[in-house]
């Protein structure tokens, strides 16, 4: 036997990460239709940006109207 057969090989970061993800997904179970939005953070960010743009436009229009600018 050679020396490298006696020592177990260390797992790479990618292998450890894949195992953690697989274990977490197995514990969660399948997603329920209509109950889970997979991109919740993206939806929140999109709605925030759209709302911010609308509020900013309205505020600029009010300032321009108040100053008499056309």
N, C-alpha and C. Protein backbone atom coordinates (compact mmCIF):
# COMPACT_ATOMS: atom_id res chain seq x y z
N UNK A 1 0.84 -1.19 0.00
CA UNK A 1 0.00 0.00 0.00
C UNK A 1 0.87 1.24 0.00
N UNK A 2 0.41 2.23 -0.68
CA UNK A 2 1.15 3.49 -0.69
C UNK A 2 0.57 4.42 0.35
N UNK A 3 1.29 5.47 0.65
CA UNK A 3 0.88 6.40 1.69
C UNK A 3 -0.40 7.16 1.37
N UNK A 4 -0.62 7.47 0.09
CA UNK A 4 -1.81 8.26 -0.23
C UNK A 4 -3.09 7.43 -0.20
N UNK A 5 -3.01 6.12 -0.13
CA UNK A 5 -4.20 5.29 -0.02
C UNK A 5 -4.68 5.23 1.43
N UNK A 6 -3.81 5.49 2.38
CA UNK A 6 -4.18 5.44 3.78
C UNK A 6 -4.84 6.72 4.26
N UNK A 7 -4.50 7.83 3.64
CA UNK A 7 -5.04 9.12 4.05
C UNK A 7 -6.22 9.47 3.15
N UNK A 8 -7.38 9.69 3.75
CA UNK A 8 -8.54 10.04 2.91
C UNK A 8 -8.33 11.41 2.26
N UNK A 9 -8.80 11.52 1.03
CA UNK A 9 -8.67 12.77 0.28
C UNK A 9 -9.65 13.80 0.85
N UNK A 10 -9.17 15.04 1.02
CA UNK A 10 -10.04 16.11 1.48
C UNK A 10 -10.97 16.52 0.36
N UNK A 11 -12.20 16.84 0.72
CA UNK A 11 -13.16 17.27 -0.29
C UNK A 11 -12.88 18.72 -0.67
N UNK A 12 -13.10 19.01 -1.92
CA UNK A 12 -12.92 20.39 -2.37
C UNK A 12 -14.09 21.23 -1.86
N UNK A 13 -13.92 22.52 -1.94
CA UNK A 13 -14.98 23.44 -1.52
C UNK A 13 -16.25 23.20 -2.33
N UNK A 14 -16.10 22.96 -3.64
CA UNK A 14 -17.26 22.75 -4.50
C UNK A 14 -18.03 21.50 -4.09
N UNK A 15 -17.31 20.43 -3.73
CA UNK A 15 -17.97 19.20 -3.31
C UNK A 15 -18.73 19.41 -2.00
N UNK A 16 -18.10 20.10 -1.05
CA UNK A 16 -18.77 20.38 0.23
C UNK A 16 -20.00 21.25 0.02
N UNK A 17 -19.88 22.25 -0.84
CA UNK A 17 -20.98 23.15 -1.13
C UNK A 17 -22.13 22.39 -1.78
N UNK A 18 -21.83 21.54 -2.75
CA UNK A 18 -22.87 20.76 -3.44
C UNK A 18 -23.59 19.83 -2.46
N UNK A 19 -22.85 19.24 -1.53
CA UNK A 19 -23.48 18.36 -0.55
C UNK A 19 -24.40 19.14 0.38
N UNK A 20 -23.98 20.33 0.81
CA UNK A 20 -24.83 21.16 1.67
C UNK A 20 -26.11 21.56 0.96
N UNK A 21 -25.99 21.94 -0.30
CA UNK A 21 -27.16 22.35 -1.07
C UNK A 21 -28.11 21.17 -1.25
N UNK A 22 -27.57 20.00 -1.58
CA UNK A 22 -28.40 18.81 -1.78
C UNK A 22 -29.11 18.43 -0.48
N UNK A 23 -28.41 18.51 0.64
CA UNK A 23 -29.02 18.18 1.93
C UNK A 23 -30.13 19.17 2.27
N UNK A 24 -29.88 20.45 2.03
CA UNK A 24 -30.89 21.48 2.32
C UNK A 24 -32.12 21.29 1.44
N UNK A 25 -31.92 21.01 0.16
CA UNK A 25 -33.05 20.81 -0.75
C UNK A 25 -33.85 19.57 -0.37
N UNK A 26 -33.16 18.51 0.10
CA UNK A 26 -33.85 17.29 0.50
C UNK A 26 -34.71 17.54 1.75
N UNK A 27 -34.23 18.38 2.66
CA UNK A 27 -35.00 18.69 3.88
C UNK A 27 -36.22 19.54 3.58
N UNK A 28 -36.12 20.41 2.59
CA UNK A 28 -37.24 21.31 2.26
C UNK A 28 -38.41 20.58 1.64
N UNK A 29 -38.13 19.62 0.79
CA UNK A 29 -39.19 18.94 0.07
C UNK A 29 -39.55 19.72 -1.18
N UNK A 30 -40.53 19.23 -1.92
CA UNK A 30 -40.90 19.90 -3.17
C UNK A 30 -41.65 21.22 -2.91
N UNK A 31 -41.52 22.15 -3.85
CA UNK A 31 -42.23 23.42 -3.74
C UNK A 31 -43.70 23.21 -4.08
N UNK A 32 -44.56 24.00 -3.42
CA UNK A 32 -45.99 23.91 -3.68
C UNK A 32 -46.36 24.92 -4.75
N UNK A 33 -47.13 24.47 -5.73
CA UNK A 33 -47.54 25.36 -6.81
C UNK A 33 -48.40 26.50 -6.27
N UNK A 34 -48.08 27.72 -6.68
CA UNK A 34 -48.86 28.88 -6.29
C UNK A 34 -48.54 29.42 -4.92
N UNK A 35 -47.72 28.74 -4.15
CA UNK A 35 -47.40 29.18 -2.79
C UNK A 35 -46.03 29.84 -2.69
N UNK A 36 -45.12 29.49 -3.59
CA UNK A 36 -43.74 29.96 -3.49
C UNK A 36 -43.38 30.73 -4.74
N UNK A 37 -42.87 31.94 -4.55
CA UNK A 37 -42.33 32.70 -5.67
C UNK A 37 -40.83 32.55 -5.59
N UNK A 38 -40.25 31.90 -6.58
CA UNK A 38 -38.84 31.54 -6.52
C UNK A 38 -37.92 32.75 -6.50
N UNK A 39 -38.35 33.85 -7.07
CA UNK A 39 -37.48 35.01 -7.17
C UNK A 39 -38.02 36.16 -6.32
N UNK A 40 -38.35 35.87 -5.09
CA UNK A 40 -38.91 36.87 -4.18
C UNK A 40 -38.03 38.11 -4.02
N UNK A 41 -36.73 37.96 -3.78
CA UNK A 41 -35.88 39.15 -3.65
C UNK A 41 -35.83 39.98 -4.92
N UNK A 42 -35.84 39.32 -6.08
CA UNK A 42 -35.82 40.06 -7.34
C UNK A 42 -37.13 40.82 -7.53
N UNK A 43 -38.25 40.19 -7.14
CA UNK A 43 -39.55 40.86 -7.25
C UNK A 43 -39.57 42.09 -6.34
N UNK A 44 -39.09 41.95 -5.12
CA UNK A 44 -39.06 43.07 -4.19
C UNK A 44 -38.20 44.21 -4.72
N UNK A 45 -37.03 43.88 -5.23
CA UNK A 45 -36.13 44.90 -5.77
C UNK A 45 -36.75 45.60 -6.96
N UNK A 46 -37.37 44.85 -7.86
CA UNK A 46 -38.02 45.42 -9.04
C UNK A 46 -39.13 46.38 -8.62
N UNK A 47 -39.98 45.98 -7.69
CA UNK A 47 -41.08 46.84 -7.25
C UNK A 47 -40.53 48.09 -6.56
N UNK A 48 -39.48 47.96 -5.77
CA UNK A 48 -38.90 49.11 -5.10
C UNK A 48 -38.35 50.11 -6.12
N UNK A 49 -37.64 49.63 -7.13
CA UNK A 49 -37.05 50.53 -8.13
C UNK A 49 -38.15 51.22 -8.92
N UNK A 50 -39.18 50.48 -9.35
CA UNK A 50 -40.28 51.09 -10.09
C UNK A 50 -40.97 52.15 -9.23
N UNK A 51 -41.23 51.83 -7.98
CA UNK A 51 -41.86 52.80 -7.07
C UNK A 51 -40.99 54.03 -6.87
N UNK A 52 -39.70 53.82 -6.72
CA UNK A 52 -38.77 54.94 -6.52
C UNK A 52 -38.77 55.87 -7.75
N UNK A 53 -38.75 55.28 -8.93
CA UNK A 53 -38.75 56.08 -10.17
C UNK A 53 -40.03 56.89 -10.28
N UNK A 54 -41.17 56.29 -9.97
CA UNK A 54 -42.45 57.00 -10.06
C UNK A 54 -42.51 58.14 -9.07
N UNK A 55 -42.13 57.89 -7.83
CA UNK A 55 -42.16 58.93 -6.80
C UNK A 55 -41.20 60.06 -7.16
N UNK A 56 -40.03 59.73 -7.66
CA UNK A 56 -39.06 60.76 -8.07
C UNK A 56 -39.60 61.61 -9.20
N UNK A 57 -40.22 61.00 -10.20
CA UNK A 57 -40.79 61.76 -11.31
C UNK A 57 -41.89 62.70 -10.84
N UNK A 58 -42.76 62.21 -9.98
CA UNK A 58 -43.84 63.06 -9.47
C UNK A 58 -43.26 64.21 -8.66
N UNK A 59 -42.26 63.96 -7.84
CA UNK A 59 -41.65 65.02 -7.03
C UNK A 59 -41.00 66.08 -7.94
N UNK A 60 -40.30 65.64 -8.98
CA UNK A 60 -39.66 66.59 -9.90
C UNK A 60 -40.72 67.41 -10.63
N UNK A 61 -41.82 66.77 -11.05
CA UNK A 61 -42.89 67.51 -11.72
C UNK A 61 -43.50 68.57 -10.80
N UNK A 62 -43.70 68.22 -9.53
CA UNK A 62 -44.26 69.19 -8.57
C UNK A 62 -43.32 70.35 -8.40
N UNK A 63 -42.02 70.10 -8.26
CA UNK A 63 -41.04 71.18 -8.11
C UNK A 63 -41.02 72.05 -9.35
N UNK A 64 -41.07 71.44 -10.53
CA UNK A 64 -41.06 72.22 -11.77
C UNK A 64 -42.32 73.06 -11.90
N UNK A 65 -43.47 72.52 -11.53
CA UNK A 65 -44.72 73.28 -11.61
C UNK A 65 -44.73 74.42 -10.61
N UNK A 66 -44.20 74.21 -9.43
CA UNK A 66 -44.16 75.24 -8.41
C UNK A 66 -43.23 76.38 -8.80
N UNK A 67 -42.16 76.09 -9.52
CA UNK A 67 -41.22 77.13 -9.90
C UNK A 67 -41.62 77.84 -11.18
N UNK A 68 -42.67 77.37 -11.85
CA UNK A 68 -43.13 78.02 -13.07
C UNK A 68 -42.39 77.57 -14.31
N UNK A 69 -41.58 76.57 -14.22
CA UNK A 69 -40.82 76.07 -15.36
C UNK A 69 -41.75 75.29 -16.29
N UNK A 70 -41.47 75.38 -17.59
CA UNK A 70 -42.31 74.66 -18.55
C UNK A 70 -41.54 73.59 -19.24
